[in-house]
Protein backbone atom coordinates (compact mmCIF):
# COMPACT_ATOMS: atom_id res chain seq x y z
CA MET A 1 1.92 18.28 -5.08
CA ARG A 2 -0.48 15.84 -3.41
CA ASP A 3 -2.44 13.36 -5.50
CA LEU A 4 -5.73 12.96 -3.63
CA VAL A 5 -6.67 9.82 -5.54
CA LEU A 6 -3.51 7.96 -4.57
CA ASP A 7 -3.75 9.17 -0.97
CA PHE A 8 -7.40 8.06 -0.93
CA TRP A 9 -6.54 4.50 -1.94
CA ARG A 10 -3.69 4.37 0.57
CA GLY A 11 -6.27 5.45 3.14
CA ILE A 12 -8.64 2.70 1.99
CA GLY A 13 -5.74 0.24 2.17
CA ILE A 14 -4.84 1.02 5.79
CA LEU A 15 -8.52 1.02 6.85
CA MET A 16 -8.90 -2.46 5.35
CA VAL A 17 -5.81 -3.69 7.20
CA LEU A 18 -7.13 -2.19 10.45
CA ALA A 19 -10.54 -3.80 9.96
CA HIS A 20 -8.87 -7.16 9.32
CA HIS A 21 -6.68 -6.98 12.44
CA LEU A 22 -9.18 -5.38 14.80
CA VAL A 23 -12.13 -7.62 14.04
CA LEU A 24 -10.42 -10.98 13.62
CA PHE A 25 -7.49 -10.68 16.03
CA TYR A 26 -7.98 -7.94 18.63
CA TYR A 27 -11.66 -8.68 19.23
CA GLY A 28 -11.47 -12.27 17.99
CA TRP A 29 -14.90 -11.85 16.45
CA ARG A 30 -16.45 -14.85 14.73
CA GLY A 31 -19.84 -14.13 13.26
CA SER A 32 -21.36 -15.31 10.03
CA GLU A 33 -19.06 -17.20 7.67
CA PHE A 34 -19.62 -14.58 4.98
CA LEU A 35 -18.54 -11.65 7.19
CA VAL A 36 -15.52 -13.52 8.56
CA ASP A 37 -14.46 -14.29 5.00
CA MET A 38 -14.93 -10.63 4.06
CA PHE A 39 -12.71 -9.40 6.90
CA GLU A 40 -10.11 -12.06 6.13
CA ARG A 41 -9.87 -10.77 2.57
CA ALA A 42 -9.78 -7.11 3.62
CA GLY A 43 -6.21 -7.10 4.95
CA PRO A 44 -4.54 -8.78 1.94
CA LEU A 45 -6.48 -6.54 -0.45
CA GLY A 46 -5.46 -3.47 1.54
CA VAL A 47 -1.74 -4.18 1.24
CA LYS A 48 -2.17 -4.79 -2.50
CA PHE A 49 -3.50 -1.23 -2.79
CA PHE A 50 -0.31 -0.06 -1.03
CA PHE A 51 1.91 -2.00 -3.42
CA ILE A 52 0.22 -0.76 -6.61
CA VAL A 53 0.22 2.87 -5.46
CA SER A 54 3.84 2.60 -4.31
CA GLY A 55 5.01 1.12 -7.61
CA TYR A 56 3.24 3.89 -9.51
CA ILE A 57 4.44 6.80 -7.34
CA ILE A 58 8.06 5.69 -7.09
CA THR A 59 8.38 4.97 -10.82
CA ARG A 60 6.70 8.26 -11.70
CA LEU A 61 9.24 10.09 -9.52
CA MET A 62 12.05 8.19 -11.25
CA LEU A 63 10.70 9.27 -14.63
CA ALA A 64 10.37 12.88 -13.47
CA GLU A 65 14.01 12.93 -12.33
CA GLU A 66 15.15 11.37 -15.58
CA GLU A 67 13.25 14.01 -17.56
CA LYS A 68 14.64 16.83 -15.41
CA ARG A 69 18.28 15.73 -15.20
CA GLY A 70 18.60 13.45 -18.20
CA ARG A 71 19.18 10.37 -16.05
CA LEU A 72 18.22 8.75 -12.77
CA ARG A 73 20.81 8.99 -10.03
CA VAL A 74 20.64 5.67 -8.21
CA GLY A 75 22.49 6.99 -5.16
CA ASP A 76 20.01 9.83 -4.77
CA PHE A 77 17.13 7.38 -5.17
CA TYR A 78 18.42 5.22 -2.34
CA ILE A 79 19.00 8.25 -0.12
CA ARG A 80 15.37 9.30 -0.58
CA ARG A 81 14.16 5.78 0.19
CA ILE A 82 16.38 5.52 3.27
CA PHE A 83 15.18 8.82 4.74
CA ARG A 84 11.57 7.97 3.85
CA ILE A 85 11.45 4.40 5.16
CA LEU A 86 14.09 3.86 7.83
CA PRO A 87 13.50 6.52 10.56
CA PRO A 88 9.84 5.59 11.31
CA TYR A 89 10.70 1.93 10.88
CA LEU A 90 13.63 2.02 13.30
CA LEU A 91 11.49 3.97 15.78
CA TYR A 92 8.88 1.22 15.65
CA LEU A 93 11.45 -1.56 16.08
CA PHE A 94 13.00 0.30 19.01
CA GLY A 95 9.54 0.73 20.53
CA ILE A 96 8.75 -2.96 20.18
CA PHE A 97 12.11 -3.86 21.71
CA ALA A 98 11.45 -1.48 24.63
CA PHE A 99 7.93 -2.87 25.16
CA SER A 100 9.37 -6.37 25.23
CA ALA A 101 12.11 -5.36 27.71
CA SER A 102 9.37 -3.86 29.91
CA GLY A 103 7.58 -7.21 30.03
CA TRP A 104 4.49 -6.01 28.18
CA ILE A 105 4.96 -8.33 25.21
CA ALA A 106 7.36 -11.04 24.10
CA VAL A 107 9.55 -10.26 21.09
CA SER A 108 12.68 -12.29 20.44
CA ASN A 109 15.97 -10.86 19.22
CA ALA A 110 15.58 -13.08 16.16
CA ASP A 111 12.24 -11.37 15.37
CA VAL A 112 13.80 -7.91 15.55
CA LEU A 113 16.83 -8.95 13.49
CA THR A 114 14.68 -10.51 10.77
CA ALA A 115 12.48 -7.44 10.59
CA GLY A 116 15.47 -5.10 10.67
CA ALA A 117 17.00 -6.96 7.74
CA PHE A 118 13.71 -6.67 5.79
CA LEU A 119 13.30 -10.45 5.59
CA CYS A 120 9.89 -11.04 7.17
CA ASN A 121 8.58 -12.22 3.79
CA THR A 122 10.82 -15.31 4.14
CA ALA A 123 10.69 -18.36 6.39
CA LEU A 124 12.96 -16.71 8.99
CA PRO A 125 11.55 -16.10 12.52
CA CYS A 126 9.10 -13.22 12.57
CA GLY A 127 6.51 -13.04 15.36
CA TRP A 128 3.22 -11.13 15.52
CA PHE A 129 4.60 -7.72 16.48
CA VAL A 130 6.92 -7.53 13.45
CA VAL A 131 5.40 -9.95 10.95
CA HIS A 132 3.47 -7.13 9.26
CA THR A 133 6.82 -5.76 8.09
CA TRP A 134 6.78 -8.42 5.36
CA THR A 135 5.21 -5.71 3.19
CA LEU A 136 8.19 -3.41 3.72
CA ALA A 137 10.49 -6.33 2.92
CA ILE A 138 8.69 -6.75 -0.42
CA GLU A 139 9.08 -3.06 -1.24
CA MET A 140 12.72 -2.81 -0.19
CA GLN A 141 13.66 -5.92 -2.17
CA PHE A 142 11.88 -4.66 -5.28
CA TYR A 143 13.37 -1.17 -5.06
CA LEU A 144 16.84 -2.56 -4.49
CA LEU A 145 16.80 -3.82 -8.08
CA TRP A 146 14.25 -1.71 -9.98
CA PRO A 147 16.33 1.52 -10.23
CA VAL A 148 19.29 -0.45 -11.60
CA ILE A 149 17.08 -2.15 -14.20
CA PHE A 150 15.41 1.19 -14.97
CA ILE A 151 18.76 2.77 -15.83
CA ALA A 152 20.03 -0.26 -17.77
CA LEU A 153 16.96 -0.46 -20.00
CA PRO A 154 16.28 2.11 -22.75
CA ALA A 155 12.91 3.77 -22.20
CA ARG A 156 11.21 1.83 -24.99
CA TYR A 157 12.06 -1.53 -23.37
CA ARG A 158 10.79 -0.77 -19.87
CA ALA A 159 7.12 -1.50 -20.55
CA PRO A 160 7.87 -4.80 -22.35
CA PHE A 161 10.20 -5.81 -19.51
CA LEU A 162 7.55 -5.09 -16.87
CA THR A 163 4.91 -6.90 -18.94
CA ALA A 164 7.12 -9.99 -19.17
CA LEU A 165 7.90 -9.74 -15.46
CA LEU A 166 4.19 -9.56 -14.65
CA ALA A 167 3.50 -12.65 -16.77
CA LEU A 168 6.23 -14.54 -14.90
CA LEU A 169 5.03 -13.40 -11.46
CA PHE A 170 1.38 -14.19 -12.21
CA THR A 171 2.43 -17.68 -13.35
CA LEU A 172 4.49 -18.26 -10.20
CA SER A 173 1.55 -17.10 -8.07
CA ALA A 174 -0.89 -19.35 -9.92
CA PHE A 175 1.28 -22.37 -9.07
CA GLY A 176 1.83 -21.30 -5.46
CA VAL A 177 5.55 -20.63 -5.87
CA LEU A 178 7.24 -18.15 -3.47
CA VAL A 179 4.47 -18.46 -0.87
CA GLU A 180 5.69 -18.15 2.73
CA ARG A 181 3.91 -18.81 6.05
CA GLY A 182 0.96 -20.13 4.09
CA TRP A 183 -0.36 -16.64 3.28
CA ILE A 184 2.45 -14.34 2.05
CA ASP A 185 2.27 -14.56 -1.75
CA ASN A 186 5.59 -12.95 -2.68
CA ALA A 187 5.08 -13.36 -6.42
CA LEU A 188 1.68 -11.65 -6.43
CA SER A 189 2.95 -8.89 -4.12
CA PHE A 190 5.89 -8.13 -6.44
CA ALA A 191 3.41 -8.23 -9.33
CA CYS A 192 1.33 -5.47 -7.67
CA ILE A 193 4.37 -3.18 -7.48
CA ALA A 194 5.39 -4.05 -11.04
CA LEU A 195 1.85 -3.27 -12.23
CA GLY A 196 2.01 0.17 -10.62
CA ALA A 197 5.40 0.71 -12.27
CA LEU A 198 3.95 -0.34 -15.65
CA ALA A 199 1.13 2.18 -15.27
CA ALA A 200 3.77 4.87 -14.70
CA VAL A 201 6.01 4.03 -17.69
CA HIS A 202 3.23 3.19 -20.16
CA PRO A 203 0.63 5.95 -20.67
CA TYR A 204 -1.56 3.66 -22.78
CA ALA A 205 -1.75 1.08 -20.00
CA ARG A 206 -2.66 3.83 -17.56
CA ALA A 207 -5.31 5.21 -19.94
CA ALA A 208 -6.76 1.73 -20.47
CA LEU A 209 -7.07 1.19 -16.72
CA LYS A 210 -8.73 4.59 -16.37
CA ASP A 211 -11.13 4.45 -19.32
CA CYS A 212 -11.96 0.74 -19.42
CA GLY A 213 -11.46 -0.17 -15.78
CA PHE A 214 -15.08 -0.90 -14.90
CA LEU A 215 -15.60 -2.83 -18.14
CA PHE A 216 -12.56 -4.95 -17.29
CA ILE A 217 -13.80 -5.56 -13.73
CA GLY A 218 -17.17 -6.71 -15.07
CA ALA A 219 -15.56 -8.99 -17.67
CA VAL A 220 -13.30 -10.66 -15.09
CA ALA A 221 -16.20 -11.12 -12.64
CA LEU A 222 -18.27 -12.72 -15.42
CA ALA A 223 -15.43 -15.01 -16.50
CA VAL A 224 -14.70 -16.15 -12.95
CA GLY A 225 -18.41 -16.72 -12.35
CA ILE A 226 -18.76 -18.83 -15.50
CA VAL A 227 -15.71 -20.95 -14.67
CA TYR A 228 -16.92 -21.44 -11.09
CA SER A 229 -20.45 -22.34 -12.21
CA ALA A 230 -19.02 -24.88 -14.66
CA GLY A 231 -17.61 -26.79 -11.73
CA PHE A 232 -14.00 -25.63 -11.90
CA ALA A 233 -13.80 -24.01 -8.46
CA ASP A 234 -10.01 -24.28 -8.15
CA ALA A 235 -9.47 -22.71 -11.57
CA ALA A 236 -11.89 -19.90 -10.68
CA LYS A 237 -9.96 -19.20 -7.46
CA ILE A 238 -6.66 -19.02 -9.37
CA MET A 239 -8.23 -16.68 -11.94
CA TYR A 240 -9.55 -14.44 -9.18
CA ARG A 241 -6.25 -14.38 -7.27
CA THR A 242 -4.08 -13.60 -10.27
CA ALA A 243 -6.53 -11.02 -11.63
CA THR A 244 -6.83 -9.19 -8.30
CA PRO A 245 -3.93 -6.73 -8.90
CA LEU A 246 -5.43 -5.77 -12.27
CA LEU A 247 -8.86 -5.31 -10.71
CA LEU A 248 -7.48 -3.09 -7.95
CA ALA A 249 -5.39 -1.05 -10.42
CA ALA A 250 -8.52 -0.57 -12.52
CA LEU A 251 -10.35 0.74 -9.44
CA ILE A 252 -7.53 3.14 -8.58
CA PHE A 253 -7.15 4.71 -12.00
CA SER A 254 -10.87 4.71 -12.82
CA THR A 255 -11.33 7.06 -9.87
CA TYR A 256 -9.74 9.88 -11.88
CA ARG A 257 -12.87 9.89 -14.03
CA PHE A 258 -14.94 11.35 -11.16
CA PRO A 259 -13.66 14.85 -10.31
CA ARG A 260 -16.73 15.70 -8.20
CA LEU A 261 -16.11 12.64 -6.03
CA ILE A 262 -12.43 13.56 -5.66
CA SER A 263 -13.33 17.06 -4.47
CA SER A 264 -15.85 15.83 -1.87
CA ARG A 265 -15.20 16.06 1.87
CA PRO A 266 -15.45 12.32 2.60
CA PHE A 267 -12.90 11.67 -0.13
CA ALA A 268 -10.58 14.29 1.36
CA ALA A 269 -11.00 12.75 4.83
CA VAL A 270 -9.93 9.30 3.64
CA SER A 271 -7.09 10.92 1.68
CA GLY A 272 -5.92 12.49 4.95
CA ILE A 273 -5.74 9.03 6.52
CA GLY A 274 -3.70 8.00 3.51
CA LEU A 275 -1.10 10.65 4.34
CA VAL A 276 -0.31 8.98 7.68
CA SER A 277 -0.82 5.43 6.40
CA TYR A 278 2.84 4.41 6.70
CA SER A 279 3.21 5.36 10.37
CA LEU A 280 -0.28 4.04 11.11
CA TYR A 281 0.52 0.73 9.42
CA LEU A 282 3.68 0.34 11.48
CA TRP A 283 2.11 1.08 14.88
CA GLN A 284 -1.30 -0.56 14.52
CA GLN A 285 0.29 -3.99 14.84
CA ALA A 286 1.34 -3.28 18.43
CA PHE A 287 -2.23 -2.38 19.48
CA VAL A 288 -4.37 -4.98 17.68
CA ALA A 289 -2.80 -8.25 18.84
CA PRO A 290 -4.91 -11.10 20.24
CA ALA A 291 -5.36 -10.68 24.02
CA GLY A 292 -3.00 -13.55 24.85
CA TYR A 293 -0.06 -11.75 23.22
CA TYR A 294 0.00 -9.11 25.98
CA LEU A 295 1.91 -10.41 28.97
CA SER A 296 0.83 -7.77 31.48
CA PRO A 297 -1.50 -4.75 31.59
CA SER A 298 0.00 -2.01 29.46
CA LEU A 299 -0.71 0.97 27.25
CA LEU A 300 -0.71 -1.38 24.26
CA GLN A 301 -4.10 -2.75 25.29
CA TYR A 302 -5.75 0.66 24.77
CA VAL A 303 -6.32 0.45 21.05
CA PHE A 304 -7.13 4.16 20.64
CA LEU A 305 -3.55 5.03 21.65
CA MET A 306 -2.29 3.76 18.32
CA ALA A 307 -3.38 7.14 16.94
CA VAL A 308 -1.05 8.93 19.39
CA PHE A 309 1.95 6.82 18.41
CA CYS A 310 1.06 7.13 14.73
CA LEU A 311 0.79 10.93 14.80
CA PHE A 312 4.00 11.27 16.83
CA SER A 313 5.80 9.10 14.28
CA TYR A 314 4.36 11.03 11.34
CA TYR A 315 4.90 14.59 12.56
CA PHE A 316 8.11 14.21 14.59
CA VAL A 317 9.96 11.48 12.70
CA GLU A 318 8.55 10.73 9.26
CA LYS A 319 8.07 14.28 7.95
CA PRO A 320 11.24 15.82 9.47
CA PHE A 321 13.47 13.06 8.07
CA ILE A 322 11.88 13.33 4.62
CA ARG A 323 12.71 17.05 4.69
CA LEU A 324 16.22 16.28 5.92
CA GLY A 325 16.77 13.85 3.06
CA LYS A 326 15.65 16.47 0.55
CA LYS A 327 17.96 19.08 2.07
CA LEU A 328 20.93 16.72 1.91
CA LEU A 329 20.26 16.05 -1.77
CA GLN A 330 19.87 19.78 -2.47
CA LYS A 331 23.21 20.49 -0.79
CA LYS A 332 24.81 17.64 -2.72
CA GLU A 333 23.51 19.10 -5.98
CA LEU A 334 24.75 22.57 -5.11
CA ARG A 335 28.21 21.23 -4.31
CA ALA A 336 28.27 19.40 -7.64
CA LYS A 337 27.56 22.68 -9.47
CA VAL A 338 30.36 24.58 -7.76
C-alpha cells in the first residue's frame, strides 16, 4: 500500500535536485547571492530526503518480513534490492555509454566502471554524467551490511546500535572525515539512512519526530542563531550541518499530523512525482549538464525529453522488474513449502 507522505517527500527531494541542476548548471544562472546559495543547498537537501525515506522504508519492510516469517531472509532481501535497483540503473549506464559512442557526450570507460561498481562516493574517476550515482553507492554500501547487522542483533539492541552509529557518523561529519570531491559527505549521508532506520525500529523516536518535530526545528534554529550571533560562525555551521538530518526527519514525520493536507490534490501530485523519482533521478543528469558538456547537437539538449526517458524507464523497466523479483521470491517460497 502506498504511503503518500513518503512519496511526497521523495517528490520534494527530486524537485530540489532538479532545481539545483537546472538553475545552476544547465542554465548557468547567477543572480543574487541569496538565491544562488538557496539553489546550491537545494540539491544536497533533496538527496538527504531520499536517504531518510529509504532508510525508513527498507527497515520497515525488514521488520514486516521478520514479523511475518519469524526472521529476515538476507538472500531474499538482496534479490528484492537487485531487481529494484539494477535494471533501471544498468539501462541508464548503457544509455550513457551509447550516447558517448555516438559522439554526443564524453564518458570514459573508467567513469562507467566506477559507477557500475557503486563507487562514485569515493575518489575514483566519476565524471558529470555518472557522478550523481554517488547516492546509489551510499545506499548500496549501507544495505550491504545493514541486513546482516539486523539479523545478528536482538530486536532490543537495534535502536541503541543505530543511536551509537548516528553519534559516530555525526562526529565524523563534524570533523570533515569521509568527505570526497569536496562536497560528498559520506558520514552525514550514511547518518540520514541510519536515522530513517532508527525511526522504523524505534516507535518512540518516530512518535517524537511526529509530535515534537516543529518544536525541535524551532529549538535548533534558535540555538544555531544564538551561536552564530555570538561570533562562532564555524561552530554554527557545524551545528546546522549535523542537525540537518534530524530537521528533515522531523519535517517528514510531522506531516502525518495533517490528514487534510495529505488528502489534497497538490499533495497527491507531488506524491505522484515521488513514485517515478528513482528513474527521474537517474535520467535527469543526462539532460541538465552545462552546455560545454555536450559535444554535438543531440536529443540530450532538449531538457523536456528527460520526462520521456524517465517514464520509459519507470513503466517498461523499473515496474516490470520489481514484479519479476516478487514473482521469483513467491515461486521460491512455494518450492520451499513443497
